[in-house]
Amino acid sequence: TGDQLPDFVLNRAGFSNSTILVADRNFGCGSSREQAVHTLVDFGIRSIVAVSFGDIFQANCLKNGLLPVTLPAEVVRAIRHGLDASPGTQLTIDLENEQVVDPDGLVYPFSVDPFGRSCLLAGLDEIDYTLSLLDRVNDFERTETSAPNSH
């Protein structure tokens, strides 16, 4: 009917405007269509912290501007516990330095695919990245078509 479920975690006070989703293991498994990622982004989610991700879902995240962060199970569990105990506290993800900072100031390093990271930092998707290389593509085409043995 379109009514919000008051008990759903993202509808509760302190969580309703979250941009980071803290999940568990195998997040996104079975959600291989890009629409799953688009829906999360449209909702306002910019990053997901989890123990693991479905492979296709994780790739789709990076292609569509959503940062998947993988951390050890005990770290994710501790972060979730801390957020549950104090709704509205701040969890920070520093993509440039590849680290998560919890509300207590504890820092957890992570790594993400370098190409995906550079695209996210630049605000580019794969099409934007390709278009940023258009001058180089045009130069290559001019060079190849003017070469003596070109077909």
N, C-alpha and C. Protein backbone atom coordinates (compact mmCIF):
# COMPACT_ATOMS: atom_id res chain seq x y z
N THR A 1 0.81 -1.21 0.00
CA THR A 1 0.00 0.00 0.00
C THR A 1 0.85 1.26 0.00
N GLY A 2 2.15 1.12 0.14
CA GLY A 2 3.02 2.28 0.17
C GLY A 2 3.29 2.82 1.55
N ASP A 3 2.67 2.23 2.56
CA ASP A 3 2.90 2.68 3.94
C ASP A 3 4.26 2.18 4.42
N GLN A 4 4.97 3.03 5.18
CA GLN A 4 6.24 2.62 5.74
C GLN A 4 6.02 1.68 6.92
N LEU A 5 6.91 0.71 7.04
CA LEU A 5 6.87 -0.21 8.17
C LEU A 5 7.68 0.41 9.31
N PRO A 6 7.03 0.76 10.41
CA PRO A 6 7.74 1.46 11.49
C PRO A 6 8.87 0.65 12.12
N ASP A 7 8.80 -0.67 12.07
CA ASP A 7 9.83 -1.50 12.68
C ASP A 7 11.02 -1.75 11.76
N PHE A 8 10.90 -1.39 10.47
CA PHE A 8 12.01 -1.58 9.54
C PHE A 8 13.14 -0.65 9.96
N VAL A 9 14.35 -1.19 10.05
CA VAL A 9 15.48 -0.46 10.64
C VAL A 9 15.71 0.91 9.99
N LEU A 10 15.57 1.02 8.69
CA LEU A 10 15.83 2.31 8.03
C LEU A 10 14.69 3.30 8.19
N ASN A 11 13.60 2.89 8.84
CA ASN A 11 12.51 3.81 9.17
C ASN A 11 12.57 4.26 10.62
N ARG A 12 13.48 3.70 11.41
CA ARG A 12 13.59 4.04 12.82
C ARG A 12 14.39 5.33 13.01
N ALA A 13 14.08 6.07 14.05
CA ALA A 13 14.81 7.29 14.39
C ALA A 13 16.30 6.98 14.52
N GLY A 14 17.12 7.83 13.98
CA GLY A 14 18.57 7.64 14.04
C GLY A 14 19.11 6.87 12.86
N PHE A 15 18.24 6.20 12.10
CA PHE A 15 18.69 5.43 10.95
C PHE A 15 18.00 5.87 9.65
N SER A 16 16.97 6.70 9.75
CA SER A 16 16.13 7.00 8.60
C SER A 16 16.82 7.78 7.49
N ASN A 17 17.87 8.50 7.78
CA ASN A 17 18.58 9.25 6.74
C ASN A 17 19.98 8.71 6.51
N SER A 18 20.17 7.44 6.76
CA SER A 18 21.49 6.83 6.65
C SER A 18 21.97 6.79 5.20
N THR A 19 23.25 7.02 5.02
CA THR A 19 23.87 6.89 3.70
C THR A 19 24.80 5.68 3.65
N ILE A 20 25.03 5.08 4.83
CA ILE A 20 25.86 3.88 4.92
C ILE A 20 25.00 2.77 5.50
N LEU A 21 24.99 1.65 4.82
CA LEU A 21 24.25 0.47 5.28
C LEU A 21 25.27 -0.52 5.82
N VAL A 22 25.09 -0.98 7.04
CA VAL A 22 25.98 -1.97 7.64
C VAL A 22 25.22 -3.29 7.67
N ALA A 23 25.70 -4.25 6.91
CA ALA A 23 24.99 -5.51 6.71
C ALA A 23 25.76 -6.66 7.36
N ASP A 24 25.69 -7.83 6.78
CA ASP A 24 26.37 -9.00 7.31
C ASP A 24 27.11 -9.67 6.16
N ARG A 25 27.03 -10.97 6.06
CA ARG A 25 27.77 -11.69 5.03
C ARG A 25 26.90 -11.92 3.80
N ASN A 26 27.59 -12.00 2.66
CA ASN A 26 26.97 -12.36 1.38
C ASN A 26 25.87 -11.38 0.97
N PHE A 27 26.07 -10.11 1.28
CA PHE A 27 25.06 -9.10 0.95
C PHE A 27 24.92 -8.99 -0.56
N GLY A 28 23.70 -8.94 -1.02
CA GLY A 28 23.42 -8.78 -2.45
C GLY A 28 23.44 -10.08 -3.23
N CYS A 29 23.64 -11.20 -2.56
CA CYS A 29 23.62 -12.48 -3.26
C CYS A 29 22.22 -12.67 -3.82
N GLY A 30 22.14 -12.98 -5.10
CA GLY A 30 20.85 -13.15 -5.75
C GLY A 30 20.31 -11.86 -6.33
N SER A 31 21.01 -10.75 -6.11
CA SER A 31 20.59 -9.45 -6.63
C SER A 31 21.55 -9.03 -7.75
N SER A 32 21.61 -9.83 -8.78
CA SER A 32 22.60 -9.58 -9.82
C SER A 32 22.18 -8.48 -10.80
N ARG A 33 20.93 -8.11 -10.83
CA ARG A 33 20.51 -7.04 -11.72
C ARG A 33 20.94 -5.70 -11.16
N GLU A 34 21.31 -4.78 -12.06
CA GLU A 34 21.76 -3.46 -11.62
C GLU A 34 20.67 -2.70 -10.87
N GLN A 35 19.42 -3.05 -11.09
CA GLN A 35 18.33 -2.34 -10.44
C GLN A 35 18.44 -2.42 -8.92
N ALA A 36 18.99 -3.49 -8.38
CA ALA A 36 19.17 -3.60 -6.94
C ALA A 36 20.07 -2.47 -6.43
N VAL A 37 21.15 -2.23 -7.14
CA VAL A 37 22.07 -1.14 -6.76
C VAL A 37 21.39 0.21 -6.98
N HIS A 38 20.71 0.38 -8.11
CA HIS A 38 20.03 1.65 -8.40
C HIS A 38 19.02 1.98 -7.31
N THR A 39 18.31 0.98 -6.82
CA THR A 39 17.31 1.20 -5.77
C THR A 39 17.97 1.69 -4.49
N LEU A 40 19.08 1.08 -4.11
CA LEU A 40 19.80 1.52 -2.91
C LEU A 40 20.31 2.95 -3.07
N VAL A 41 20.88 3.26 -4.23
CA VAL A 41 21.39 4.61 -4.50
C VAL A 41 20.23 5.61 -4.48
N ASP A 42 19.11 5.26 -5.12
CA ASP A 42 17.95 6.15 -5.12
C ASP A 42 17.43 6.40 -3.70
N PHE A 43 17.58 5.42 -2.83
CA PHE A 43 17.17 5.55 -1.43
C PHE A 43 18.10 6.47 -0.65
N GLY A 44 19.30 6.68 -1.17
CA GLY A 44 20.27 7.55 -0.50
C GLY A 44 21.48 6.82 0.04
N ILE A 45 21.55 5.51 -0.15
CA ILE A 45 22.69 4.73 0.33
C ILE A 45 23.87 4.99 -0.60
N ARG A 46 25.03 5.31 -0.02
CA ARG A 46 26.24 5.58 -0.81
C ARG A 46 27.32 4.53 -0.60
N SER A 47 27.19 3.76 0.49
CA SER A 47 28.16 2.70 0.78
C SER A 47 27.50 1.62 1.61
N ILE A 48 28.00 0.39 1.41
CA ILE A 48 27.55 -0.74 2.22
C ILE A 48 28.78 -1.37 2.84
N VAL A 49 28.75 -1.57 4.14
CA VAL A 49 29.81 -2.26 4.86
C VAL A 49 29.27 -3.65 5.18
N ALA A 50 30.00 -4.68 4.77
CA ALA A 50 29.55 -6.05 5.00
C ALA A 50 30.75 -6.98 5.11
N VAL A 51 30.48 -8.18 5.56
CA VAL A 51 31.51 -9.21 5.67
C VAL A 51 31.89 -9.71 4.27
N SER A 52 30.89 -9.85 3.41
CA SER A 52 31.12 -10.28 2.03
C SER A 52 29.93 -9.86 1.19
N PHE A 53 30.11 -9.92 -0.13
CA PHE A 53 29.09 -9.52 -1.08
C PHE A 53 28.93 -10.59 -2.14
N GLY A 54 27.75 -10.64 -2.75
CA GLY A 54 27.59 -11.43 -3.95
C GLY A 54 28.48 -10.83 -5.03
N ASP A 55 29.20 -11.66 -5.78
CA ASP A 55 30.18 -11.16 -6.75
C ASP A 55 29.60 -10.18 -7.76
N ILE A 56 28.49 -10.56 -8.39
CA ILE A 56 27.91 -9.70 -9.42
C ILE A 56 27.38 -8.41 -8.79
N PHE A 57 26.76 -8.52 -7.64
CA PHE A 57 26.26 -7.34 -6.94
C PHE A 57 27.40 -6.38 -6.63
N GLN A 58 28.52 -6.91 -6.15
CA GLN A 58 29.67 -6.07 -5.80
C GLN A 58 30.20 -5.34 -7.03
N ALA A 59 30.31 -6.05 -8.16
CA ALA A 59 30.76 -5.41 -9.40
C ALA A 59 29.79 -4.32 -9.83
N ASN A 60 28.49 -4.60 -9.72
CA ASN A 60 27.48 -3.61 -10.09
C ASN A 60 27.53 -2.38 -9.19
N CYS A 61 27.87 -2.58 -7.92
CA CYS A 61 28.02 -1.44 -7.01
C CYS A 61 29.05 -0.46 -7.55
N LEU A 62 30.23 -0.97 -7.85
CA LEU A 62 31.32 -0.11 -8.31
C LEU A 62 30.98 0.56 -9.65
N LYS A 63 30.24 -0.13 -10.50
CA LYS A 63 29.88 0.43 -11.80
C LYS A 63 28.81 1.51 -11.69
N ASN A 64 28.11 1.55 -10.56
CA ASN A 64 26.97 2.45 -10.43
C ASN A 64 27.05 3.39 -9.25
N GLY A 65 28.26 3.66 -8.77
CA GLY A 65 28.46 4.70 -7.77
C GLY A 65 28.18 4.33 -6.33
N LEU A 66 28.15 3.05 -6.02
CA LEU A 66 27.92 2.59 -4.65
C LEU A 66 29.16 1.86 -4.17
N LEU A 67 29.71 2.27 -3.05
CA LEU A 67 30.95 1.70 -2.53
C LEU A 67 30.69 0.49 -1.65
N PRO A 68 31.13 -0.71 -2.08
CA PRO A 68 31.04 -1.88 -1.21
C PRO A 68 32.32 -2.01 -0.39
N VAL A 69 32.19 -2.05 0.93
CA VAL A 69 33.34 -2.15 1.82
C VAL A 69 33.28 -3.50 2.54
N THR A 70 34.33 -4.28 2.40
CA THR A 70 34.40 -5.58 3.06
C THR A 70 35.31 -5.48 4.28
N LEU A 71 34.76 -5.89 5.43
CA LEU A 71 35.53 -5.91 6.67
C LEU A 71 35.32 -7.26 7.35
N PRO A 72 36.23 -7.65 8.25
CA PRO A 72 36.08 -8.93 8.96
C PRO A 72 34.77 -8.98 9.76
N ALA A 73 34.27 -10.20 9.94
CA ALA A 73 32.98 -10.42 10.62
C ALA A 73 32.94 -9.78 12.00
N GLU A 74 34.01 -9.93 12.78
CA GLU A 74 33.99 -9.38 14.14
C GLU A 74 33.94 -7.86 14.13
N VAL A 75 34.55 -7.23 13.13
CA VAL A 75 34.52 -5.77 13.03
C VAL A 75 33.12 -5.31 12.64
N VAL A 76 32.53 -5.95 11.64
CA VAL A 76 31.18 -5.58 11.22
C VAL A 76 30.19 -5.78 12.36
N ARG A 77 30.32 -6.85 13.08
CA ARG A 77 29.45 -7.13 14.22
C ARG A 77 29.60 -6.03 15.29
N ALA A 78 30.83 -5.62 15.57
CA ALA A 78 31.06 -4.58 16.57
C ALA A 78 30.50 -3.23 16.11
N ILE A 79 30.66 -2.92 14.84
CA ILE A 79 30.12 -1.66 14.31
C ILE A 79 28.59 -1.67 14.41
N ARG A 80 27.96 -2.78 14.00
CA ARG A 80 26.50 -2.87 14.07
C ARG A 80 26.01 -2.75 15.52
N HIS A 81 26.70 -3.41 16.43
CA HIS A 81 26.33 -3.35 17.84
C HIS A 81 26.41 -1.90 18.35
N GLY A 82 27.50 -1.21 18.00
CA GLY A 82 27.66 0.18 18.42
C GLY A 82 26.59 1.10 17.85
N LEU A 83 26.24 0.89 16.59
CA LEU A 83 25.20 1.71 15.97
C LEU A 83 23.83 1.41 16.55
N ASP A 84 23.56 0.14 16.83
CA ASP A 84 22.29 -0.23 17.47
C ASP A 84 22.16 0.39 18.86
N ALA A 85 23.28 0.43 19.59
CA ALA A 85 23.27 0.97 20.95
C ALA A 85 23.10 2.49 20.96
N SER A 86 23.57 3.15 19.89
CA SER A 86 23.50 4.61 19.82
C SER A 86 23.04 5.05 18.43
N PRO A 87 21.75 4.88 18.11
CA PRO A 87 21.26 5.29 16.79
C PRO A 87 21.58 6.75 16.50
N GLY A 88 21.98 7.01 15.29
CA GLY A 88 22.30 8.37 14.88
C GLY A 88 23.76 8.74 15.02
N THR A 89 24.55 7.84 15.62
CA THR A 89 25.98 8.14 15.72
C THR A 89 26.61 8.03 14.33
N GLN A 90 27.78 8.64 14.19
CA GLN A 90 28.42 8.80 12.89
C GLN A 90 29.42 7.69 12.59
N LEU A 91 29.23 7.05 11.46
CA LEU A 91 30.20 6.12 10.90
C LEU A 91 30.75 6.82 9.66
N THR A 92 32.06 6.85 9.51
CA THR A 92 32.68 7.57 8.40
C THR A 92 33.47 6.61 7.52
N ILE A 93 33.33 6.77 6.22
CA ILE A 93 34.13 6.01 5.28
C ILE A 93 34.98 6.98 4.50
N ASP A 94 36.28 6.78 4.59
CA ASP A 94 37.27 7.60 3.88
C ASP A 94 37.78 6.79 2.71
N LEU A 95 37.21 7.01 1.52
CA LEU A 95 37.59 6.24 0.35
C LEU A 95 39.00 6.56 -0.10
N GLU A 96 39.39 7.82 -0.01
CA GLU A 96 40.73 8.20 -0.44
C GLU A 96 41.80 7.43 0.31
N ASN A 97 41.62 7.30 1.63
CA ASN A 97 42.60 6.58 2.45
C ASN A 97 42.19 5.13 2.73
N GLU A 98 41.07 4.72 2.17
CA GLU A 98 40.55 3.37 2.33
C GLU A 98 40.49 2.93 3.80
N GLN A 99 39.64 3.66 4.54
CA GLN A 99 39.45 3.30 5.93
C GLN A 99 38.04 3.68 6.41
N VAL A 100 37.54 2.87 7.32
CA VAL A 100 36.27 3.14 7.99
C VAL A 100 36.62 3.60 9.40
N VAL A 101 35.95 4.66 9.84
CA VAL A 101 36.16 5.17 11.20
C VAL A 101 34.83 5.03 11.94
N ASP A 102 34.84 4.25 13.02
CA ASP A 102 33.60 4.02 13.76
C ASP A 102 33.33 5.18 14.71
N PRO A 103 32.16 5.21 15.35
CA PRO A 103 31.81 6.33 16.24
C PRO A 103 32.78 6.55 17.39
N ASP A 104 33.54 5.52 17.77
CA ASP A 104 34.52 5.66 18.85
C ASP A 104 35.89 6.10 18.34
N GLY A 105 36.01 6.31 17.03
CA GLY A 105 37.28 6.74 16.45
C GLY A 105 38.20 5.60 16.06
N LEU A 106 37.73 4.36 16.20
CA LEU A 106 38.55 3.22 15.77
C LEU A 106 38.57 3.18 14.25
N VAL A 107 39.76 2.90 13.71
CA VAL A 107 39.96 2.93 12.26
C VAL A 107 40.15 1.51 11.74
N TYR A 108 39.42 1.18 10.69
CA TYR A 108 39.50 -0.15 10.06
C TYR A 108 39.86 0.02 8.59
N PRO A 109 41.02 -0.48 8.18
CA PRO A 109 41.41 -0.36 6.77
C PRO A 109 40.63 -1.34 5.90
N PHE A 110 40.43 -0.94 4.66
CA PHE A 110 39.82 -1.82 3.67
C PHE A 110 40.49 -1.54 2.33
N SER A 111 40.26 -2.40 1.38
CA SER A 111 40.75 -2.13 0.03
C SER A 111 39.62 -2.37 -0.94
N VAL A 112 39.68 -1.64 -2.02
CA VAL A 112 38.65 -1.73 -3.05
C VAL A 112 39.37 -1.74 -4.40
N ASP A 113 38.72 -2.32 -5.40
CA ASP A 113 39.28 -2.37 -6.75
C ASP A 113 39.82 -0.99 -7.14
N PRO A 114 41.08 -0.89 -7.57
CA PRO A 114 41.68 0.42 -7.87
C PRO A 114 40.93 1.21 -8.95
N PHE A 115 40.49 0.53 -10.01
CA PHE A 115 39.75 1.25 -11.05
C PHE A 115 38.42 1.75 -10.51
N GLY A 116 37.71 0.90 -9.79
CA GLY A 116 36.44 1.32 -9.19
C GLY A 116 36.64 2.47 -8.22
N ARG A 117 37.70 2.40 -7.44
CA ARG A 117 38.02 3.47 -6.48
C ARG A 117 38.27 4.78 -7.20
N SER A 118 39.08 4.76 -8.26
CA SER A 118 39.39 6.00 -8.98
C SER A 118 38.14 6.58 -9.63
N CYS A 119 37.28 5.72 -10.16
CA CYS A 119 36.02 6.21 -10.75
C CYS A 119 35.13 6.83 -9.68
N LEU A 120 35.00 6.17 -8.52
CA LEU A 120 34.18 6.73 -7.44
C LEU A 120 34.73 8.07 -6.96
N LEU A 121 36.04 8.15 -6.80
CA LEU A 121 36.65 9.40 -6.34
C LEU A 121 36.44 10.54 -7.34
N ALA A 122 36.44 10.20 -8.63
CA ALA A 122 36.27 11.21 -9.67
C ALA A 122 34.80 11.44 -10.01
N GLY A 123 33.90 10.62 -9.45
CA GLY A 123 32.48 10.75 -9.75
C GLY A 123 32.13 10.29 -11.15
N LEU A 124 32.86 9.30 -11.65
CA LEU A 124 32.65 8.81 -13.00
C LEU A 124 32.10 7.39 -13.00
N ASP A 125 31.23 7.09 -13.96
CA ASP A 125 30.90 5.69 -14.22
C ASP A 125 31.76 5.25 -15.41
N GLU A 126 31.61 4.01 -15.84
CA GLU A 126 32.47 3.51 -16.92
C GLU A 126 32.28 4.28 -18.23
N ILE A 127 31.08 4.71 -18.50
CA ILE A 127 30.83 5.49 -19.73
C ILE A 127 31.51 6.84 -19.62
N ASP A 128 31.35 7.52 -18.49
CA ASP A 128 32.03 8.81 -18.29
C ASP A 128 33.54 8.65 -18.41
N TYR A 129 34.07 7.57 -17.85
CA TYR A 129 35.51 7.32 -17.93
C TYR A 129 35.93 7.16 -19.39
N THR A 130 35.18 6.37 -20.14
CA THR A 130 35.50 6.16 -21.56
C THR A 130 35.43 7.48 -22.31
N LEU A 131 34.40 8.28 -22.04
CA LEU A 131 34.28 9.58 -22.71
C LEU A 131 35.43 10.52 -22.34
N SER A 132 35.99 10.35 -21.14
CA SER A 132 37.13 11.19 -20.75
C SER A 132 38.37 10.87 -21.58
N LEU A 133 38.36 9.72 -22.24
CA LEU A 133 39.48 9.30 -23.09
C LEU A 133 39.23 9.58 -24.56
N LEU A 134 38.18 10.30 -24.88
CA LEU A 134 37.78 10.51 -26.26
C LEU A 134 38.88 11.17 -27.10
N ASP A 135 39.59 12.13 -26.53
CA ASP A 135 40.70 12.76 -27.28
C ASP A 135 41.75 11.74 -27.66
N ARG A 136 42.08 10.85 -26.73
CA ARG A 136 43.07 9.80 -27.02
C ARG A 136 42.56 8.83 -28.08
N VAL A 137 41.27 8.49 -28.01
CA VAL A 137 40.68 7.60 -29.01
C VAL A 137 40.72 8.27 -30.38
N ASN A 138 40.36 9.54 -30.44
CA ASN A 138 40.39 10.27 -31.71
C ASN A 138 41.81 10.36 -32.27
N ASP A 139 42.79 10.63 -31.39
CA ASP A 139 44.19 10.67 -31.83
C ASP A 139 44.61 9.33 -32.39
N PHE A 140 44.24 8.26 -31.73
CA PHE A 140 44.58 6.92 -32.20
C PHE A 140 43.95 6.67 -33.57
N GLU A 141 42.68 7.02 -33.71
CA GLU A 141 42.01 6.80 -34.99
C GLU A 141 42.67 7.59 -36.11
N ARG A 142 43.05 8.85 -35.85
CA ARG A 142 43.73 9.66 -36.87
C ARG A 142 45.07 9.03 -37.24
N THR A 143 45.80 8.54 -36.23
CA THR A 143 47.11 7.94 -36.48
C THR A 143 46.96 6.66 -37.30
N GLU A 144 45.99 5.83 -36.94
CA GLU A 144 45.80 4.55 -37.62
C GLU A 144 45.29 4.73 -39.05
N THR A 145 44.40 5.68 -39.27
CA THR A 145 43.85 5.86 -40.62
C THR A 145 44.84 6.55 -41.55
N SER A 146 45.81 7.24 -40.99
CA SER A 146 46.81 7.90 -41.85
C SER A 146 48.07 7.06 -42.01
N ALA A 147 48.15 5.93 -41.34
CA ALA A 147 49.32 5.04 -41.47
C ALA A 147 49.33 4.44 -42.88
N PRO A 148 50.54 4.24 -43.47
CA PRO A 148 50.65 3.74 -44.84
C PRO A 148 49.99 2.38 -45.07
N ASN A 149 49.99 1.50 -44.09
CA ASN A 149 49.44 0.16 -44.28
C ASN A 149 48.04 0.00 -43.68
N SER A 150 47.33 1.10 -43.46
CA SER A 150 46.01 0.97 -42.85
C SER A 150 45.02 0.41 -43.86
N HIS A 151 44.03 -0.26 -43.38
CA HIS A 151 43.04 -0.92 -44.23
C HIS A 151 41.86 -0.03 -44.46
